[in-house]
Amino acid sequence: MILYHGSNCDFNSIDISKAKDKRDFGKGFYTTTLYRQAEEWAELLYDRYRGDGIFVYEIDYTLEKNVSILKFDDLSDEWLLMVKKNRTLGGVQHEFDIVQGPVANDKTTRTIALYISNVINANEAIERLRFNRINDQMSFHTPAALSCIKILRKQKK
C-alpha cells in the first residue's frame, strides 16, 4: 500500500523521537492514503514553523507479522476518547504499534476542544464532526511499526 507523509523537514530516515507530541493517536509518524492531505499537512507545518521547505514523502507500507494494529472505520466514542487522551496527556496512550482512522484536523479543532473541556458530550461531538470532510490517517508508534514502512521518494514543493 502507498501512503503519504507531509512535512516541513527534509529527512532520509524516520525518527519517532522527533515527532510532535499530543497528536490524535499519540506521538508517532503520521501518514495518509491521500496525497492532497499530506500536501496540506506539509503546507500548514511550513506556514506555522517554517523549516526546510514543503515536502511530501511517498511511503511503502507492508504489514509485518507480530505488529498490533487498531483500526477505526469511522467516527466513534472509542475514537473520540483516544483522541482526547492522546491530545491531553501526550505520549502514546495505547498499546498498539499502528493506529488507523479518521483525522481530527484543524477544521474539527473547536469541536474536539469543546469535548475535551466537557462542554459537549461524545454523542454531540461525533454528530458535529460528521458534517466535516473527514480525512484518514495511519500512525506508526514503535520500532516494530517502522519495520513496516520505507520511504520510496520525497518531493519538495
C-alpha atoms as a PDB file:
ATOM      1  CA  MET A   1       0.000   0.000   0.000  1.00  0.00           C
ATOM      2  CA  ILE A   2       1.238   3.506  -0.773  1.00  0.00           C
ATOM      3  CA  LEU A   3       0.944   6.135   1.944  1.00  0.00           C
ATOM      4  CA  TYR A   4       1.968   9.795   2.049  1.00  0.00           C
ATOM      5  CA  HIS A   5       3.580  11.949   4.725  1.00  0.00           C
ATOM      6  CA  GLY A   6       3.624  15.743   4.629  1.00  0.00           C
ATOM      7  CA  SER A   7       6.414  17.600   6.424  1.00  0.00           C
ATOM      8  CA  ASN A   8       8.329  20.839   6.714  1.00  0.00           C
ATOM      9  CA  CYS A   9      11.516  18.810   7.352  1.00  0.00           C
ATOM     10  CA  ASP A  10      13.915  17.232   4.901  1.00  0.00           C
ATOM     11  CA  PHE A  11      14.929  13.746   6.108  1.00  0.00           C
ATOM     12  CA  ASN A  12      16.027  10.391   4.743  1.00  0.00           C
ATOM     13  CA  SER A  13      15.076   8.132   7.659  1.00  0.00           C
ATOM     14  CA  ILE A  14      12.141   8.124  10.052  1.00  0.00           C
ATOM     15  CA  ASP A  15      12.824   9.020  13.697  1.00  0.00           C
ATOM     16  CA  ILE A  16       9.796   8.844  16.017  1.00  0.00           C
ATOM     17  CA  SER A  17      11.665  10.760  18.738  1.00  0.00           C
ATOM     18  CA  LYS A  18      11.429  13.860  16.504  1.00  0.00           C
ATOM     19  CA  ALA A  19       7.644  13.551  16.150  1.00  0.00           C
ATOM     20  CA  LYS A  20       5.347  16.195  17.585  1.00  0.00           C
ATOM     21  CA  ASP A  21       3.524  15.273  20.791  1.00  0.00           C
ATOM     22  CA  LYS A  22      -0.181  15.397  21.698  1.00  0.00           C
ATOM     23  CA  ARG A  23      -1.477  14.164  18.342  1.00  0.00           C
ATOM     24  CA  ASP A  24      -4.711  12.230  17.698  1.00  0.00           C
ATOM     25  CA  PHE A  25      -3.250   8.758  18.191  1.00  0.00           C
ATOM     26  CA  GLY A  26      -0.198   9.776  20.199  1.00  0.00           C
ATOM     27  CA  LYS A  27       3.370  10.671  19.393  1.00  0.00           C
ATOM     28  CA  GLY A  28       4.331   8.922  16.180  1.00  0.00           C
ATOM     29  CA  PHE A  29       4.931   9.082  12.445  1.00  0.00           C
ATOM     30  CA  TYR A  30       1.699  10.029  10.651  1.00  0.00           C
ATOM     31  CA  THR A  31       0.720   9.136   7.106  1.00  0.00           C
ATOM     32  CA  THR A  32      -2.394   9.188   4.935  1.00  0.00           C
ATOM     33  CA  THR A  33      -3.656   7.451   1.818  1.00  0.00           C
ATOM     34  CA  LEU A  34      -4.467  10.880   0.342  1.00  0.00           C
ATOM     35  CA  TYR A  35      -1.688  12.766  -1.456  1.00  0.00           C
ATOM     36  CA  ARG A  36      -3.524  16.107  -1.215  1.00  0.00           C
ATOM     37  CA  GLN A  37      -3.980  15.694   2.538  1.00  0.00           C
ATOM     38  CA  ALA A  38      -0.239  15.105   3.005  1.00  0.00           C
ATOM     39  CA  GLU A  39       0.470  18.161   0.871  1.00  0.00           C
ATOM     40  CA  GLU A  40      -1.893  20.258   3.025  1.00  0.00           C
ATOM     41  CA  TRP A  41      -0.182  18.981   6.209  1.00  0.00           C
ATOM     42  CA  ALA A  42       3.214  20.000   4.796  1.00  0.00           C
ATOM     43  CA  GLU A  43       1.963  23.457   3.800  1.00  0.00           C
ATOM     44  CA  LEU A  44       0.385  24.015   7.214  1.00  0.00           C
ATOM     45  CA  LEU A  45       3.535  22.928   9.064  1.00  0.00           C
ATOM     46  CA  TYR A  46       5.697  25.164   6.917  1.00  0.00           C
ATOM     47  CA  ASP A  47       3.349  28.145   7.387  1.00  0.00           C
ATOM     48  CA  ARG A  48       3.396  27.681  11.181  1.00  0.00           C
ATOM     49  CA  TYR A  49       7.002  26.700  11.862  1.00  0.00           C
ATOM     50  CA  ARG A  50       8.965  27.311   8.635  1.00  0.00           C
ATOM     51  CA  GLY A  51      11.691  24.667   8.323  1.00  0.00           C
ATOM     52  CA  ASP A  52      13.468  23.094   5.349  1.00  0.00           C
ATOM     53  CA  GLY A  53      10.570  23.518   2.914  1.00  0.00           C
ATOM     54  CA  ILE A  54       7.354  21.768   1.926  1.00  0.00           C
ATOM     55  CA  PHE A  55       7.878  18.024   1.416  1.00  0.00           C
ATOM     56  CA  VAL A  56       5.581  15.147   0.510  1.00  0.00           C
ATOM     57  CA  TYR A  57       7.041  11.690   1.130  1.00  0.00           C
ATOM     58  CA  GLU A  58       5.764   8.590  -0.639  1.00  0.00           C
ATOM     59  CA  ILE A  59       5.857   5.669   1.790  1.00  0.00           C
ATOM     60  CA  ASP A  60       5.624   1.956   1.035  1.00  0.00           C
ATOM     61  CA  TYR A  61       3.632   0.097   3.702  1.00  0.00           C
ATOM     62  CA  THR A  62       3.734  -3.674   4.059  1.00  0.00           C
ATOM     63  CA  LEU A  63       2.181  -5.240   7.138  1.00  0.00           C
ATOM     64  CA  GLU A  64       4.624  -7.423   9.058  1.00  0.00           C
ATOM     65  CA  LYS A  65       3.667 -10.255  11.398  1.00  0.00           C
ATOM     66  CA  ASN A  66       3.617  -9.561  15.123  1.00  0.00           C
ATOM     67  CA  VAL A  67       2.574  -5.928  14.659  1.00  0.00           C
ATOM     68  CA  SER A  68      -0.534  -4.833  16.533  1.00  0.00           C
ATOM     69  CA  ILE A  69      -2.980  -2.563  14.725  1.00  0.00           C
ATOM     70  CA  LEU A  70      -6.040  -0.686  15.927  1.00  0.00           C
ATOM     71  CA  LYS A  71      -8.354   0.439  13.138  1.00  0.00           C
ATOM     72  CA  PHE A  72     -11.220   2.880  13.482  1.00  0.00           C
ATOM     73  CA  ASP A  73     -13.503   2.538  10.460  1.00  0.00           C
ATOM     74  CA  ASP A  74     -15.469   5.663  11.334  1.00  0.00           C
ATOM     75  CA  LEU A  75     -16.018   8.281  13.988  1.00  0.00           C
ATOM     76  CA  SER A  76     -16.961   6.594  17.258  1.00  0.00           C
ATOM     77  CA  ASP A  77     -16.946   7.089  21.024  1.00  0.00           C
ATOM     78  CA  GLU A  78     -13.767   4.969  21.226  1.00  0.00           C
ATOM     79  CA  TRP A  79     -12.036   7.065  18.539  1.00  0.00           C
ATOM     80  CA  LEU A  80     -13.003  10.308  20.271  1.00  0.00           C
ATOM     81  CA  LEU A  81     -11.800   9.035  23.664  1.00  0.00           C
ATOM     82  CA  MET A  82      -8.440   8.032  22.149  1.00  0.00           C
ATOM     83  CA  VAL A  83      -8.023  11.478  20.575  1.00  0.00           C
ATOM     84  CA  LYS A  84      -8.891  13.124  23.899  1.00  0.00           C
ATOM     85  CA  LYS A  85      -6.425  11.013  25.900  1.00  0.00           C
ATOM     86  CA  ASN A  86      -3.540  11.458  23.475  1.00  0.00           C
ATOM     87  CA  ARG A  87      -4.108  15.182  22.979  1.00  0.00           C
ATOM     88  CA  THR A  88      -4.399  15.938  26.689  1.00  0.00           C
ATOM     89  CA  LEU A  89      -1.896  13.510  28.237  1.00  0.00           C
ATOM     90  CA  GLY A  90       0.666  13.340  25.441  1.00  0.00           C
ATOM     91  CA  GLY A  91       2.994  10.472  24.673  1.00  0.00           C
ATOM     92  CA  VAL A  92       1.242   7.344  23.451  1.00  0.00           C
ATOM     93  CA  GLN A  93      -1.887   6.433  25.403  1.00  0.00           C
ATOM     94  CA  HIS A  94      -2.411   2.957  23.932  1.00  0.00           C
ATOM     95  CA  GLU A  95      -0.632  -0.362  23.412  1.00  0.00           C
ATOM     96  CA  PHE A  96      -0.732  -0.553  19.609  1.00  0.00           C
ATOM     97  CA  ASP A  97       2.129  -0.355  17.124  1.00  0.00           C
ATOM     98  CA  ILE A  98      -0.064   1.192  14.414  1.00  0.00           C
ATOM     99  CA  VAL A  99      -3.369   3.084  14.597  1.00  0.00           C
ATOM    100  CA  GLN A 100      -5.549   3.867  11.600  1.00  0.00           C
ATOM    101  CA  GLY A 101      -8.655   6.020  11.447  1.00  0.00           C
ATOM    102  CA  PRO A 102     -10.235   9.426  10.836  1.00  0.00           C
ATOM    103  CA  VAL A 103      -8.322  12.683  11.358  1.00  0.00           C
ATOM    104  CA  ALA A 104      -9.307  15.309  13.895  1.00  0.00           C
ATOM    105  CA  ASN A 105      -7.874  18.171  11.856  1.00  0.00           C
ATOM    106  CA  ASP A 106      -7.866  21.975  12.093  1.00  0.00           C
ATOM    107  CA  LYS A 107     -11.405  22.055  10.730  1.00  0.00           C
ATOM    108  CA  THR A 108     -12.564  19.971  13.699  1.00  0.00           C
ATOM    109  CA  THR A 109     -10.397  21.528  16.429  1.00  0.00           C
ATOM    110  CA  ARG A 110     -13.206  23.570  18.011  1.00  0.00           C
ATOM    111  CA  THR A 111     -15.443  20.517  18.430  1.00  0.00           C
ATOM    112  CA  ILE A 112     -12.574  18.440  19.861  1.00  0.00           C
ATOM    113  CA  ALA A 113     -11.705  21.275  22.276  1.00  0.00           C
ATOM    114  CA  LEU A 114     -15.327  21.534  23.456  1.00  0.00           C
ATOM    115  CA  TYR A 115     -15.402  17.774  24.038  1.00  0.00           C
ATOM    116  CA  ILE A 116     -12.070  17.745  25.902  1.00  0.00           C
ATOM    117  CA  SER A 117     -13.343  20.596  28.106  1.00  0.00           C
ATOM    118  CA  ASN A 118     -16.547  18.619  28.812  1.00  0.00           C
ATOM    119  CA  VAL A 119     -18.711  21.378  27.314  1.00  0.00           C
ATOM    120  CA  ILE A 120     -20.282  18.842  24.956  1.00  0.00           C
ATOM    121  CA  ASN A 121     -20.579  15.078  25.310  1.00  0.00           C
ATOM    122  CA  ALA A 122     -19.236  12.400  22.968  1.00  0.00           C
ATOM    123  CA  ASN A 123     -22.507  11.954  21.069  1.00  0.00           C
ATOM    124  CA  GLU A 124     -22.813  15.665  20.326  1.00  0.00           C
ATOM    125  CA  ALA A 125     -19.145  15.887  19.310  1.00  0.00           C
ATOM    126  CA  ILE A 126     -19.463  12.971  16.883  1.00  0.00           C
ATOM    127  CA  GLU A 127     -22.624  14.440  15.350  1.00  0.00           C
ATOM    128  CA  ARG A 128     -20.881  17.797  14.813  1.00  0.00           C
ATOM    129  CA  LEU A 129     -17.839  16.083  13.305  1.00  0.00           C
ATOM    130  CA  ARG A 130     -19.938  14.136  10.801  1.00  0.00           C
ATOM    131  CA  PHE A 131     -20.574  17.388   8.910  1.00  0.00           C
ATOM    132  CA  ASN A 132     -16.853  17.844   8.240  1.00  0.00           C
ATOM    133  CA  ARG A 133     -14.945  16.141   5.455  1.00  0.00           C
ATOM    134  CA  ILE A 134     -13.018  13.565   7.459  1.00  0.00           C
ATOM    135  CA  ASN A 135      -9.649  12.520   6.065  1.00  0.00           C
ATOM    136  CA  ASP A 136      -7.730   9.390   7.031  1.00  0.00           C
ATOM    137  CA  GLN A 137      -4.502   8.810   8.888  1.00  0.00           C
ATOM    138  CA  MET A 138      -2.272   5.901   9.801  1.00  0.00           C
ATOM    139  CA  SER A 139       0.208   6.449  12.625  1.00  0.00           C
ATOM    140  CA  PHE A 140       3.296   4.412  13.475  1.00  0.00           C
ATOM    141  CA  HIS A 141       4.405   4.396  17.131  1.00  0.00           C
ATOM    142  CA  THR A 142       7.052   1.721  17.695  1.00  0.00           C
ATOM    143  CA  PRO A 143      10.183   0.262  16.096  1.00  0.00           C
ATOM    144  CA  ALA A 144       8.053  -2.738  15.068  1.00  0.00           C
ATOM    145  CA  ALA A 145       5.681  -0.377  13.268  1.00  0.00           C
ATOM    146  CA  LEU A 146       8.560   1.357  11.489  1.00  0.00           C
ATOM    147  CA  SER A 147       9.700  -2.021  10.136  1.00  0.00           C
ATOM    148  CA  CYS A 148       6.505  -1.982   8.020  1.00  0.00           C
ATOM    149  CA  ILE A 149       7.336   1.218   6.136  1.00  0.00           C
ATOM    150  CA  LYS A 150      10.053   2.655   3.973  1.00  0.00           C
ATOM    151  CA  ILE A 151      10.472   5.934   2.153  1.00  0.00           C
ATOM    152  CA  LEU A 152      10.186   5.457  -1.605  1.00  0.00           C
ATOM    153  CA  ARG A 153      10.699   9.092  -2.614  1.00  0.00           C
ATOM    154  CA  LYS A 154      10.230  12.660  -1.485  1.00  0.00           C
ATOM    155  CA  GLN A 155       9.048  15.624  -3.423  1.00  0.00           C
ATOM    156  CA  LYS A 156       9.931  19.185  -2.476  1.00  0.00           C
ATOM    157  CA  LYS A 157       7.181  21.636  -3.368  1.00  0.00           C
END
